[in-house]
């Protein structure tokens, strides 16, 4: 029935916490939360966080291969990107599980596929590209915590454009004229880049 779960943790002066918790409850209820629960003690709060930390490893039970990406959008766009990722999921017939950090707009997008099924990897690649484009359209970025790395390198042009990539190459050359630091990792000549 619920489209998502939001875990909110507050910290601060003990005399202010009760009022802050009540204000958060009021805001959640005003925004049609189906249920608002407050942890009764530190152990119950830790159990909630333990369950949240287990999500990443638990989703692989839904499908054998997990392609996990992270994108970041302005906090005001979190609901929008989640709606649009749901549409991308339906469009490609793929299961996509999202979780992350609503407070900073960082969403971990997990595309779950079975590599043995013909066409699944291609559909996943297309879905990931659409997710990246969506994040950028919403004023976000390709990565929040995980960095660009080898798997996102082909998509870097979507965010930075040709000029941005060229500037980065020149900076790297200035610090690494002999190209000995991670050669071919972020600007791989062999990898087909995706641009707008």
N, C-alpha and C. Protein backbone atom coordinates (compact mmCIF):
# COMPACT_ATOMS: atom_id res chain seq x y z
N UNK A 1 0.82 -1.19 0.00
CA UNK A 1 0.00 0.00 0.00
C UNK A 1 0.87 1.25 0.00
N UNK A 2 1.94 1.26 0.78
CA UNK A 2 2.80 2.44 0.86
C UNK A 2 3.77 2.47 -0.32
N UNK A 3 4.03 3.66 -0.82
CA UNK A 3 4.99 3.81 -1.90
C UNK A 3 6.41 3.93 -1.41
N UNK A 4 6.59 4.18 -0.13
CA UNK A 4 7.94 4.34 0.40
C UNK A 4 7.94 4.43 1.91
N UNK A 5 9.12 4.44 2.44
CA UNK A 5 9.34 4.53 3.88
C UNK A 5 10.38 5.61 4.11
N UNK A 6 10.11 6.48 5.05
CA UNK A 6 11.04 7.56 5.38
C UNK A 6 11.44 7.40 6.84
N UNK A 7 12.75 7.28 7.07
CA UNK A 7 13.27 7.21 8.43
C UNK A 7 13.87 8.58 8.73
N UNK A 8 13.40 9.21 9.79
CA UNK A 8 13.88 10.54 10.16
C UNK A 8 14.49 10.44 11.54
N UNK A 9 15.71 10.91 11.66
CA UNK A 9 16.38 10.90 12.96
C UNK A 9 16.63 12.34 13.39
N UNK A 10 16.35 12.63 14.65
CA UNK A 10 16.61 13.97 15.17
C UNK A 10 17.65 13.88 16.28
N UNK A 11 18.36 14.97 16.43
CA UNK A 11 19.40 15.04 17.45
C UNK A 11 19.42 16.47 17.96
N UNK A 12 19.79 16.62 19.20
CA UNK A 12 19.87 17.97 19.74
C UNK A 12 19.66 17.99 21.23
N UNK A 13 19.37 19.16 21.72
CA UNK A 13 19.15 19.35 23.16
C UNK A 13 17.93 18.55 23.59
N UNK A 14 18.05 17.76 24.65
CA UNK A 14 16.93 16.91 25.09
C UNK A 14 15.63 17.68 25.31
N UNK A 15 15.72 18.91 25.81
CA UNK A 15 14.50 19.67 26.07
C UNK A 15 13.79 20.10 24.79
N UNK A 16 14.51 20.10 23.67
CA UNK A 16 13.90 20.51 22.40
C UNK A 16 13.40 19.32 21.57
N UNK A 17 13.93 18.13 21.84
CA UNK A 17 13.63 16.98 20.99
C UNK A 17 12.15 16.62 20.94
N UNK A 18 11.48 16.61 22.06
CA UNK A 18 10.06 16.23 22.07
C UNK A 18 9.25 17.13 21.15
N UNK A 19 9.50 18.42 21.19
CA UNK A 19 8.79 19.36 20.32
C UNK A 19 9.13 19.14 18.86
N UNK A 20 10.40 18.87 18.57
CA UNK A 20 10.82 18.63 17.19
C UNK A 20 10.19 17.36 16.65
N UNK A 21 10.17 16.32 17.47
CA UNK A 21 9.56 15.05 17.05
C UNK A 21 8.07 15.25 16.76
N UNK A 22 7.41 15.99 17.60
CA UNK A 22 5.98 16.24 17.40
C UNK A 22 5.74 17.06 16.13
N UNK A 23 6.60 18.02 15.86
CA UNK A 23 6.48 18.83 14.64
C UNK A 23 6.68 17.96 13.40
N UNK A 24 7.66 17.06 13.45
CA UNK A 24 7.91 16.15 12.32
C UNK A 24 6.69 15.24 12.12
N UNK A 25 6.14 14.73 13.21
CA UNK A 25 4.94 13.88 13.12
C UNK A 25 3.81 14.66 12.44
N UNK A 26 3.60 15.90 12.86
CA UNK A 26 2.53 16.73 12.30
C UNK A 26 2.74 16.95 10.79
N UNK A 27 3.97 17.24 10.40
CA UNK A 27 4.28 17.46 8.98
C UNK A 27 4.03 16.19 8.18
N UNK A 28 4.46 15.06 8.70
CA UNK A 28 4.25 13.78 8.01
C UNK A 28 2.76 13.49 7.84
N UNK A 29 2.00 13.67 8.90
CA UNK A 29 0.56 13.42 8.83
C UNK A 29 -0.13 14.39 7.88
N UNK A 30 0.30 15.65 7.89
CA UNK A 30 -0.25 16.66 6.98
C UNK A 30 0.00 16.26 5.52
N UNK A 31 1.12 15.58 5.28
CA UNK A 31 1.47 15.16 3.92
C UNK A 31 1.02 13.73 3.63
N UNK A 32 0.01 13.28 4.34
CA UNK A 32 -0.69 12.01 4.09
C UNK A 32 0.16 10.76 4.34
N UNK A 33 1.04 10.81 5.33
CA UNK A 33 1.74 9.58 5.72
C UNK A 33 0.71 8.57 6.19
N UNK A 34 0.84 7.34 5.77
CA UNK A 34 -0.11 6.31 6.19
C UNK A 34 0.03 5.98 7.67
N UNK A 35 1.28 6.07 8.15
CA UNK A 35 1.53 5.76 9.55
C UNK A 35 2.82 6.48 9.98
N UNK A 36 2.83 6.98 11.18
CA UNK A 36 4.03 7.61 11.75
C UNK A 36 4.34 6.88 13.05
N UNK A 37 5.52 6.30 13.11
CA UNK A 37 5.95 5.60 14.33
C UNK A 37 7.18 6.30 14.87
N UNK A 38 7.24 6.42 16.17
CA UNK A 38 8.41 7.01 16.83
C UNK A 38 9.07 5.91 17.64
N UNK A 39 10.38 5.75 17.44
CA UNK A 39 11.12 4.74 18.21
C UNK A 39 10.99 5.05 19.69
N UNK A 40 10.72 4.02 20.47
CA UNK A 40 10.50 4.21 21.91
C UNK A 40 11.81 4.37 22.68
N UNK A 41 12.89 3.82 22.12
CA UNK A 41 14.17 3.89 22.82
C UNK A 41 15.31 3.76 21.80
N UNK A 42 16.55 3.84 22.30
CA UNK A 42 17.72 3.79 21.41
C UNK A 42 17.81 2.46 20.67
N UNK A 43 17.46 1.36 21.34
CA UNK A 43 17.53 0.05 20.70
C UNK A 43 16.56 -0.05 19.53
N UNK A 44 15.36 0.44 19.71
CA UNK A 44 14.38 0.42 18.63
C UNK A 44 14.85 1.29 17.47
N UNK A 45 15.44 2.43 17.77
CA UNK A 45 15.99 3.29 16.72
C UNK A 45 17.11 2.57 15.98
N UNK A 46 18.00 1.91 16.71
CA UNK A 46 19.10 1.18 16.09
C UNK A 46 18.57 0.04 15.23
N UNK A 47 17.52 -0.63 15.67
CA UNK A 47 16.92 -1.71 14.87
C UNK A 47 16.39 -1.18 13.54
N UNK A 48 15.81 0.02 13.55
CA UNK A 48 15.34 0.63 12.30
C UNK A 48 16.51 0.89 11.35
N UNK A 49 17.60 1.44 11.87
CA UNK A 49 18.76 1.71 11.04
C UNK A 49 19.41 0.42 10.56
N UNK A 50 19.39 -0.60 11.38
CA UNK A 50 19.95 -1.90 10.99
C UNK A 50 19.16 -2.46 9.79
N UNK A 51 17.85 -2.34 9.86
CA UNK A 51 17.00 -2.79 8.75
C UNK A 51 17.30 -1.98 7.49
N UNK A 52 17.48 -0.67 7.63
CA UNK A 52 17.81 0.18 6.47
C UNK A 52 19.14 -0.22 5.85
N UNK A 53 20.14 -0.50 6.70
CA UNK A 53 21.45 -0.89 6.18
C UNK A 53 21.42 -2.25 5.48
N UNK A 54 20.45 -3.07 5.78
CA UNK A 54 20.34 -4.40 5.18
C UNK A 54 19.65 -4.38 3.82
N UNK A 55 19.07 -3.27 3.44
CA UNK A 55 18.30 -3.21 2.20
C UNK A 55 19.16 -3.57 0.99
N UNK A 56 20.34 -3.00 0.88
CA UNK A 56 21.18 -3.21 -0.30
C UNK A 56 21.45 -4.68 -0.55
N UNK A 57 21.83 -5.41 0.48
CA UNK A 57 22.13 -6.83 0.29
C UNK A 57 20.85 -7.66 0.15
N UNK A 58 19.75 -7.19 0.69
CA UNK A 58 18.50 -7.95 0.63
C UNK A 58 17.86 -7.93 -0.75
N UNK A 59 18.04 -6.85 -1.51
CA UNK A 59 17.34 -6.75 -2.80
C UNK A 59 17.81 -7.77 -3.82
N UNK A 60 19.02 -8.31 -3.66
CA UNK A 60 19.49 -9.31 -4.63
C UNK A 60 18.68 -10.60 -4.55
N UNK A 61 17.91 -10.76 -3.51
CA UNK A 61 17.03 -11.93 -3.43
C UNK A 61 15.88 -11.80 -4.43
N UNK A 62 15.63 -10.59 -4.91
CA UNK A 62 14.55 -10.36 -5.86
C UNK A 62 14.96 -10.71 -7.29
N UNK A 63 16.23 -10.56 -7.60
CA UNK A 63 16.80 -10.90 -8.90
C UNK A 63 18.30 -11.06 -8.71
N UNK A 64 18.94 -11.96 -9.47
CA UNK A 64 20.33 -12.31 -9.15
C UNK A 64 21.38 -11.22 -9.38
N UNK A 65 21.13 -10.28 -10.27
CA UNK A 65 22.14 -9.26 -10.56
C UNK A 65 21.61 -7.88 -10.21
N UNK A 66 22.42 -7.14 -9.45
CA UNK A 66 22.02 -5.79 -9.02
C UNK A 66 22.99 -4.80 -9.65
N UNK A 67 22.44 -3.88 -10.42
CA UNK A 67 23.23 -2.79 -10.98
C UNK A 67 22.88 -1.58 -10.12
N UNK A 68 23.81 -1.20 -9.26
CA UNK A 68 23.48 -0.09 -8.36
C UNK A 68 24.22 1.17 -8.77
N UNK A 69 23.45 2.21 -8.88
CA UNK A 69 23.95 3.53 -9.21
C UNK A 69 23.46 4.49 -8.15
N UNK A 70 24.08 5.64 -8.08
CA UNK A 70 23.54 6.68 -7.20
C UNK A 70 23.52 7.98 -7.97
N UNK A 71 22.42 8.67 -7.83
CA UNK A 71 22.26 10.00 -8.43
C UNK A 71 21.83 10.93 -7.31
N UNK A 72 22.06 12.20 -7.52
CA UNK A 72 21.65 13.19 -6.52
C UNK A 72 20.88 14.30 -7.21
N UNK A 73 19.77 14.68 -6.60
CA UNK A 73 18.95 15.78 -7.11
C UNK A 73 18.69 16.74 -5.95
N UNK A 74 18.28 17.98 -6.25
CA UNK A 74 17.89 18.87 -5.15
C UNK A 74 16.80 18.19 -4.31
N UNK A 75 16.81 18.43 -3.02
CA UNK A 75 15.82 17.79 -2.12
C UNK A 75 14.39 18.00 -2.61
N UNK A 76 14.13 19.15 -3.18
CA UNK A 76 12.77 19.44 -3.65
C UNK A 76 12.37 18.56 -4.83
N UNK A 77 13.32 17.84 -5.41
CA UNK A 77 13.04 17.01 -6.59
C UNK A 77 13.09 15.51 -6.28
N UNK A 78 13.27 15.14 -5.02
CA UNK A 78 13.38 13.71 -4.67
C UNK A 78 12.11 12.96 -5.07
N UNK A 79 10.95 13.46 -4.72
CA UNK A 79 9.70 12.77 -5.08
C UNK A 79 9.56 12.65 -6.59
N UNK A 80 9.95 13.70 -7.31
CA UNK A 80 9.85 13.69 -8.77
C UNK A 80 10.75 12.63 -9.39
N UNK A 81 12.00 12.54 -8.93
CA UNK A 81 12.87 11.52 -9.54
C UNK A 81 12.37 10.13 -9.22
N UNK A 82 11.84 9.93 -8.02
CA UNK A 82 11.31 8.60 -7.68
C UNK A 82 10.13 8.25 -8.57
N UNK A 83 9.25 9.21 -8.85
CA UNK A 83 8.13 8.96 -9.77
C UNK A 83 8.64 8.63 -11.17
N UNK A 84 9.63 9.38 -11.61
CA UNK A 84 10.13 9.16 -12.97
C UNK A 84 10.90 7.85 -13.09
N UNK A 85 11.63 7.47 -12.06
CA UNK A 85 12.32 6.18 -12.08
C UNK A 85 11.29 5.05 -12.12
N UNK A 86 10.19 5.22 -11.42
CA UNK A 86 9.12 4.21 -11.48
C UNK A 86 8.60 4.07 -12.91
N UNK A 87 8.46 5.19 -13.61
CA UNK A 87 8.04 5.15 -15.01
C UNK A 87 9.07 4.46 -15.89
N UNK A 88 10.35 4.72 -15.65
CA UNK A 88 11.43 4.07 -16.40
C UNK A 88 11.40 2.56 -16.14
N UNK A 89 11.16 2.19 -14.91
CA UNK A 89 11.05 0.78 -14.53
C UNK A 89 9.94 0.09 -15.34
N UNK A 90 8.79 0.72 -15.39
CA UNK A 90 7.65 0.15 -16.13
C UNK A 90 7.93 0.12 -17.63
N UNK A 91 8.51 1.19 -18.14
CA UNK A 91 8.80 1.28 -19.58
C UNK A 91 9.68 0.13 -20.04
N UNK A 92 10.70 -0.21 -19.25
CA UNK A 92 11.65 -1.24 -19.65
C UNK A 92 11.32 -2.62 -19.08
N UNK A 93 10.27 -2.70 -18.27
CA UNK A 93 9.90 -3.99 -17.68
C UNK A 93 10.96 -4.52 -16.73
N UNK A 94 11.58 -3.62 -15.98
CA UNK A 94 12.64 -4.00 -15.04
C UNK A 94 12.23 -3.64 -13.62
N UNK A 95 12.69 -4.44 -12.68
CA UNK A 95 12.47 -4.13 -11.28
C UNK A 95 13.57 -3.16 -10.84
N UNK A 96 13.18 -2.00 -10.34
CA UNK A 96 14.13 -1.01 -9.84
C UNK A 96 13.74 -0.67 -8.41
N UNK A 97 14.69 -0.86 -7.50
CA UNK A 97 14.47 -0.58 -6.08
C UNK A 97 15.31 0.63 -5.71
N UNK A 98 14.70 1.61 -5.08
CA UNK A 98 15.39 2.84 -4.70
C UNK A 98 15.43 2.99 -3.19
N UNK A 99 16.55 3.47 -2.70
CA UNK A 99 16.65 3.89 -1.31
C UNK A 99 17.75 4.93 -1.27
N UNK A 100 17.91 5.61 -0.17
CA UNK A 100 18.96 6.62 -0.15
C UNK A 100 18.83 7.57 1.01
N UNK A 101 19.20 8.81 0.75
CA UNK A 101 19.29 9.83 1.78
C UNK A 101 18.47 11.04 1.32
N UNK A 102 17.22 11.09 1.73
CA UNK A 102 16.33 12.16 1.29
C UNK A 102 16.84 13.52 1.74
N UNK A 103 17.55 13.57 2.84
CA UNK A 103 18.04 14.83 3.38
C UNK A 103 19.04 15.54 2.49
N UNK A 104 19.75 14.77 1.65
CA UNK A 104 20.68 15.42 0.72
C UNK A 104 20.37 15.08 -0.73
N UNK A 105 19.22 14.45 -0.97
CA UNK A 105 18.79 14.18 -2.34
C UNK A 105 19.51 13.04 -3.02
N UNK A 106 20.26 12.24 -2.27
CA UNK A 106 21.04 11.14 -2.84
C UNK A 106 20.19 9.88 -2.89
N UNK A 107 19.97 9.37 -4.10
CA UNK A 107 19.13 8.19 -4.29
C UNK A 107 19.99 7.06 -4.85
N UNK A 108 19.95 5.92 -4.18
CA UNK A 108 20.61 4.71 -4.66
C UNK A 108 19.59 3.97 -5.52
N UNK A 109 19.88 3.90 -6.79
CA UNK A 109 18.98 3.27 -7.76
C UNK A 109 19.54 1.87 -8.04
N UNK A 110 18.76 0.85 -7.77
CA UNK A 110 19.19 -0.53 -7.95
C UNK A 110 18.34 -1.19 -9.02
N UNK A 111 18.95 -1.43 -10.19
CA UNK A 111 18.27 -2.09 -11.29
C UNK A 111 18.56 -3.58 -11.12
N UNK A 112 17.50 -4.36 -10.94
CA UNK A 112 17.66 -5.79 -10.67
C UNK A 112 17.32 -6.59 -11.92
N UNK A 113 18.31 -7.36 -12.40
CA UNK A 113 18.11 -8.12 -13.63
C UNK A 113 18.59 -9.55 -13.46
N UNK A 114 18.22 -10.36 -14.43
CA UNK A 114 18.74 -11.72 -14.55
C UNK A 114 19.53 -11.75 -15.85
N UNK A 115 20.86 -11.81 -15.74
CA UNK A 115 21.72 -11.77 -16.93
C UNK A 115 21.43 -12.91 -17.91
N UNK A 116 20.83 -13.97 -17.41
CA UNK A 116 20.55 -15.12 -18.28
C UNK A 116 19.39 -14.85 -19.22
N UNK A 117 18.57 -13.86 -18.90
CA UNK A 117 17.43 -13.53 -19.76
C UNK A 117 17.92 -12.65 -20.91
N UNK A 118 17.66 -13.06 -22.14
CA UNK A 118 18.10 -12.26 -23.29
C UNK A 118 17.53 -10.84 -23.24
N UNK A 119 18.40 -9.88 -23.49
CA UNK A 119 17.99 -8.49 -23.59
C UNK A 119 17.94 -7.73 -22.27
N UNK A 120 18.07 -8.42 -21.13
CA UNK A 120 17.96 -7.73 -19.84
C UNK A 120 19.08 -6.72 -19.63
N UNK A 121 20.31 -7.09 -20.00
CA UNK A 121 21.42 -6.16 -19.79
C UNK A 121 21.27 -4.91 -20.66
N UNK A 122 20.81 -5.10 -21.88
CA UNK A 122 20.61 -3.95 -22.77
C UNK A 122 19.51 -3.04 -22.24
N UNK A 123 18.43 -3.64 -21.75
CA UNK A 123 17.34 -2.83 -21.17
C UNK A 123 17.84 -2.08 -19.94
N UNK A 124 18.65 -2.75 -19.14
CA UNK A 124 19.19 -2.11 -17.93
C UNK A 124 20.08 -0.94 -18.30
N UNK A 125 20.93 -1.11 -19.31
CA UNK A 125 21.81 -0.03 -19.75
C UNK A 125 20.99 1.18 -20.21
N UNK A 126 19.94 0.92 -20.99
CA UNK A 126 19.08 2.01 -21.46
C UNK A 126 18.37 2.68 -20.28
N UNK A 127 17.91 1.89 -19.32
CA UNK A 127 17.22 2.45 -18.15
C UNK A 127 18.17 3.32 -17.33
N UNK A 128 19.39 2.84 -17.13
CA UNK A 128 20.37 3.61 -16.35
C UNK A 128 20.66 4.94 -17.04
N UNK A 129 20.83 4.91 -18.36
CA UNK A 129 21.08 6.16 -19.09
C UNK A 129 19.90 7.13 -18.91
N UNK A 130 18.68 6.63 -18.97
CA UNK A 130 17.51 7.49 -18.77
C UNK A 130 17.46 8.04 -17.35
N UNK A 131 17.85 7.23 -16.39
CA UNK A 131 17.88 7.69 -14.99
C UNK A 131 18.90 8.81 -14.83
N UNK A 132 20.08 8.64 -15.43
CA UNK A 132 21.10 9.69 -15.36
C UNK A 132 20.58 10.98 -16.01
N UNK A 133 19.98 10.84 -17.19
CA UNK A 133 19.45 12.02 -17.89
C UNK A 133 18.36 12.70 -17.05
N UNK A 134 17.53 11.91 -16.41
CA UNK A 134 16.46 12.46 -15.56
C UNK A 134 17.05 13.25 -14.41
N UNK A 135 18.06 12.68 -13.75
CA UNK A 135 18.70 13.39 -12.63
C UNK A 135 19.24 14.74 -13.09
N UNK A 136 19.88 14.76 -14.26
CA UNK A 136 20.43 16.01 -14.78
C UNK A 136 19.33 17.00 -15.14
N UNK A 137 18.25 16.51 -15.75
CA UNK A 137 17.11 17.39 -16.09
C UNK A 137 16.52 18.05 -14.85
N UNK A 138 16.58 17.34 -13.73
CA UNK A 138 16.01 17.86 -12.48
C UNK A 138 17.00 18.71 -11.70
N UNK A 139 18.14 19.05 -12.32
CA UNK A 139 19.12 19.90 -11.66
C UNK A 139 20.08 19.15 -10.77
N UNK A 140 20.17 17.84 -10.97
CA UNK A 140 21.04 17.01 -10.14
C UNK A 140 22.35 16.67 -10.81
N UNK A 141 22.94 15.59 -10.32
CA UNK A 141 24.24 15.15 -10.80
C UNK A 141 24.26 13.64 -10.93
N UNK A 142 25.23 13.12 -11.68
CA UNK A 142 25.33 11.69 -11.94
C UNK A 142 25.68 10.87 -10.70
N UNK A 143 26.27 11.50 -9.72
CA UNK A 143 26.73 10.73 -8.57
C UNK A 143 26.66 11.56 -7.30
N UNK A 144 26.35 10.89 -6.21
CA UNK A 144 26.30 11.57 -4.93
C UNK A 144 27.46 11.18 -4.04
N UNK A 145 27.57 9.87 -3.76
CA UNK A 145 28.62 9.42 -2.86
C UNK A 145 29.60 8.49 -3.55
N UNK A 146 29.20 7.83 -4.60
CA UNK A 146 30.03 6.78 -5.17
C UNK A 146 31.04 7.27 -6.19
N UNK A 147 30.96 8.51 -6.58
CA UNK A 147 31.91 9.03 -7.57
C UNK A 147 31.56 8.56 -8.98
N UNK A 148 32.40 8.93 -9.92
CA UNK A 148 32.15 8.58 -11.32
C UNK A 148 32.67 7.17 -11.61
N UNK A 149 33.94 6.95 -11.50
CA UNK A 149 34.47 5.61 -11.71
C UNK A 149 34.34 5.12 -13.14
N UNK A 150 34.72 3.88 -13.35
CA UNK A 150 34.76 3.30 -14.68
C UNK A 150 33.36 3.15 -15.28
N UNK A 151 32.39 2.74 -14.47
CA UNK A 151 31.07 2.46 -15.04
C UNK A 151 30.32 3.73 -15.45
N UNK A 152 30.57 4.83 -14.78
CA UNK A 152 29.87 6.08 -15.13
C UNK A 152 30.68 6.94 -16.11
N UNK A 153 31.93 6.60 -16.33
CA UNK A 153 32.78 7.41 -17.21
C UNK A 153 32.14 7.67 -18.58
N UNK A 154 31.53 6.66 -19.22
CA UNK A 154 30.93 6.93 -20.53
C UNK A 154 29.80 7.96 -20.49
N UNK A 155 29.21 8.17 -19.32
CA UNK A 155 28.08 9.09 -19.19
C UNK A 155 28.49 10.49 -18.74
N UNK A 156 29.76 10.68 -18.47
CA UNK A 156 30.24 11.96 -17.94
C UNK A 156 29.91 13.12 -18.88
N UNK A 157 29.94 12.87 -20.18
CA UNK A 157 29.62 13.91 -21.15
C UNK A 157 28.20 14.43 -21.03
N UNK A 158 27.28 13.60 -20.52
CA UNK A 158 25.90 14.06 -20.33
C UNK A 158 25.86 15.24 -19.38
N UNK A 159 26.72 15.20 -18.36
CA UNK A 159 26.71 16.25 -17.35
C UNK A 159 27.65 17.40 -17.69
N UNK A 160 28.83 17.07 -18.20
CA UNK A 160 29.86 18.10 -18.38
C UNK A 160 29.96 18.64 -19.80
N UNK A 161 29.47 17.89 -20.78
CA UNK A 161 29.61 18.30 -22.17
C UNK A 161 31.05 18.14 -22.64
N UNK A 162 31.26 18.33 -23.93
CA UNK A 162 32.60 18.15 -24.51
C UNK A 162 33.61 19.12 -23.91
N UNK A 163 33.21 20.37 -23.70
CA UNK A 163 34.13 21.36 -23.15
C UNK A 163 34.56 20.98 -21.73
N UNK A 164 33.61 20.57 -20.92
CA UNK A 164 33.93 20.16 -19.55
C UNK A 164 34.90 18.99 -19.52
N UNK A 165 34.69 18.02 -20.40
CA UNK A 165 35.59 16.86 -20.48
C UNK A 165 36.98 17.32 -20.90
N UNK A 166 37.03 18.22 -21.88
CA UNK A 166 38.33 18.71 -22.35
C UNK A 166 39.09 19.43 -21.25
N UNK A 167 38.40 20.24 -20.46
CA UNK A 167 39.04 20.94 -19.33
C UNK A 167 39.59 19.92 -18.34
N UNK A 168 38.80 18.89 -18.03
CA UNK A 168 39.27 17.86 -17.10
C UNK A 168 40.51 17.14 -17.64
N UNK A 169 40.51 16.86 -18.94
CA UNK A 169 41.68 16.20 -19.55
C UNK A 169 42.92 17.09 -19.42
N UNK A 170 42.75 18.38 -19.63
CA UNK A 170 43.90 19.29 -19.52
C UNK A 170 44.42 19.38 -18.09
N UNK A 171 43.52 19.39 -17.12
CA UNK A 171 43.94 19.40 -15.72
C UNK A 171 44.71 18.13 -15.40
N UNK A 172 44.20 16.99 -15.86
CA UNK A 172 44.89 15.72 -15.60
C UNK A 172 46.28 15.75 -16.24
N UNK A 173 46.36 16.24 -17.46
CA UNK A 173 47.66 16.28 -18.15
C UNK A 173 48.64 17.19 -17.41
N UNK A 174 48.14 18.28 -16.83
CA UNK A 174 49.02 19.19 -16.08
C UNK A 174 49.62 18.50 -14.87
N UNK A 175 48.85 17.67 -14.19
CA UNK A 175 49.33 16.98 -12.99
C UNK A 175 49.95 15.62 -13.31
N UNK A 176 49.64 15.07 -14.48
CA UNK A 176 50.09 13.73 -14.84
C UNK A 176 50.52 13.72 -16.31
N UNK A 177 51.61 14.44 -16.64
CA UNK A 177 52.01 14.56 -18.05
C UNK A 177 52.38 13.22 -18.70
N UNK A 178 52.79 12.25 -17.90
CA UNK A 178 53.17 10.95 -18.46
C UNK A 178 52.04 9.93 -18.42
N UNK A 179 50.87 10.37 -17.99
CA UNK A 179 49.68 9.52 -17.95
C UNK A 179 49.92 8.19 -17.21
N UNK A 180 50.50 8.31 -16.02
CA UNK A 180 50.77 7.10 -15.23
C UNK A 180 49.74 6.88 -14.11
N UNK A 181 48.93 7.90 -13.83
CA UNK A 181 47.93 7.78 -12.77
C UNK A 181 46.60 7.32 -13.36
N UNK A 182 46.26 6.08 -13.11
CA UNK A 182 45.01 5.49 -13.62
C UNK A 182 44.79 5.75 -15.11
N UNK A 183 45.73 5.35 -15.94
CA UNK A 183 45.56 5.59 -17.39
C UNK A 183 44.32 4.87 -17.93
N UNK A 184 43.56 5.59 -18.75
CA UNK A 184 42.39 5.00 -19.40
C UNK A 184 41.20 4.75 -18.50
N UNK A 185 41.20 5.30 -17.29
CA UNK A 185 40.10 5.02 -16.36
C UNK A 185 38.92 5.98 -16.54
N UNK A 186 39.17 7.27 -16.49
CA UNK A 186 38.06 8.21 -16.53
C UNK A 186 37.82 8.75 -17.94
N UNK A 187 38.86 8.75 -18.77
CA UNK A 187 38.72 9.20 -20.16
C UNK A 187 39.12 8.06 -21.09
N UNK A 188 38.48 6.92 -21.00
CA UNK A 188 38.92 5.78 -21.80
C UNK A 188 38.62 6.01 -23.28
N UNK A 189 39.65 5.85 -24.12
CA UNK A 189 39.47 6.02 -25.56
C UNK A 189 38.64 4.87 -26.14
N UNK A 190 38.76 3.69 -25.51
CA UNK A 190 38.08 2.51 -26.04
C UNK A 190 36.59 2.47 -25.70
N UNK A 191 36.17 3.24 -24.71
CA UNK A 191 34.77 3.20 -24.29
C UNK A 191 33.97 4.25 -25.05
N UNK A 192 32.85 3.83 -25.61
CA UNK A 192 32.00 4.78 -26.34
C UNK A 192 31.31 5.71 -25.34
N UNK A 193 31.56 6.97 -25.47
CA UNK A 193 30.97 7.95 -24.56
C UNK A 193 29.54 8.27 -24.99
N UNK A 194 28.73 8.57 -24.02
CA UNK A 194 27.34 8.98 -24.26
C UNK A 194 27.29 10.48 -24.07
N UNK A 195 26.79 11.20 -25.06
CA UNK A 195 26.67 12.65 -24.92
C UNK A 195 25.27 13.07 -25.30
N UNK A 196 24.98 14.35 -25.07
CA UNK A 196 23.63 14.82 -25.34
C UNK A 196 23.48 15.28 -26.75
